[in-house]
Protein backbone atom coordinates (compact mmCIF):
# COMPACT_ATOMS: atom_id res chain seq x y z
CA MET A 1 -34.04 20.23 -19.05
CA HIS A 2 -30.81 22.01 -18.16
CA ILE A 3 -30.99 20.88 -14.54
CA ILE A 4 -31.12 17.23 -15.64
CA VAL A 5 -27.98 17.68 -17.76
CA ILE A 6 -26.16 19.40 -14.89
CA ILE A 7 -27.14 16.75 -12.35
CA SER A 8 -26.21 13.95 -14.77
CA SER A 9 -22.82 15.55 -15.43
CA VAL A 10 -22.12 15.94 -11.71
CA VAL A 11 -23.08 12.32 -11.04
CA ILE A 12 -20.90 11.03 -13.89
CA VAL A 13 -17.88 13.12 -12.88
CA GLY A 14 -18.35 12.19 -9.21
CA GLY A 15 -18.58 8.53 -10.14
CA LEU A 16 -15.37 8.73 -12.16
CA PHE A 17 -13.53 10.41 -9.28
CA LEU A 18 -14.87 7.78 -6.88
CA LEU A 19 -13.71 4.93 -9.13
CA ARG A 20 -10.25 6.49 -9.46
CA PHE A 21 -10.05 6.98 -5.68
CA ILE A 22 -10.96 3.32 -5.09
CA GLN A 23 -8.39 2.22 -7.67
CA ILE A 24 -5.60 4.29 -6.08
CA ARG A 25 -6.51 3.00 -2.61
CA GLN A 26 -6.40 -0.60 -3.87
CA GLU A 27 -3.01 -0.04 -5.54
CA ARG A 28 -1.59 1.41 -2.32
CA LYS A 29 -2.96 -1.50 -0.31
CA GLU A 30 -1.37 -4.01 -2.70
CA LYS A 31 1.95 -2.15 -2.62
CA LYS A 32 1.86 -2.06 1.19
CA MET A 33 1.22 -5.80 1.36
CA PHE A 34 4.08 -6.45 -1.08
CA LEU A 35 6.47 -4.30 0.95
CA GLU A 36 5.44 -6.00 4.20
CA GLN A 37 6.06 -9.43 2.66
CA ARG A 38 9.42 -8.27 1.30
CA LEU A 39 10.39 -6.91 4.72
CA GLU A 40 9.47 -10.21 6.39
CA HIS A 41 11.51 -12.09 3.80
CA LEU A 42 14.54 -9.84 4.36
CA ILE A 43 14.26 -10.18 8.14
CA HIS A 44 14.17 -13.98 7.92
CA ALA A 45 17.00 -14.05 5.37
CA ASN A 46 19.10 -11.80 7.59
CA LYS A 47 18.48 -14.01 10.64
CA LYS A 48 19.60 -17.08 8.70
CA GLU A 49 22.73 -15.35 7.35
CA ALA A 50 24.04 -13.76 10.53
CA PRO A 51 22.62 -15.10 13.77
CA ILE A 52 23.09 -12.71 16.67
CA GLU A 53 25.51 -13.94 19.31
CA LYS A 54 24.33 -13.00 22.76
CA THR A 55 27.75 -13.45 24.36
CA SER A 56 29.61 -10.78 22.41
CA HIS A 57 28.10 -7.35 21.94
CA PRO A 58 29.85 -5.08 19.39
CA PHE A 59 29.31 -1.91 21.44
CA LYS A 60 30.80 -3.16 24.73
């Protein structure tokens, strides 16, 4: 009887940890996608604002 309770407890706790791990991984994936989209937006906005002139280089 005790072994069933122990095994059940381990399975329940393991399941909860697994669900939390999956949730955290999903949140990180969504945040990464958001940041990548934001970066692309900023790159395109920057290109439209200040096009790079190939004739004059600021460090020459």
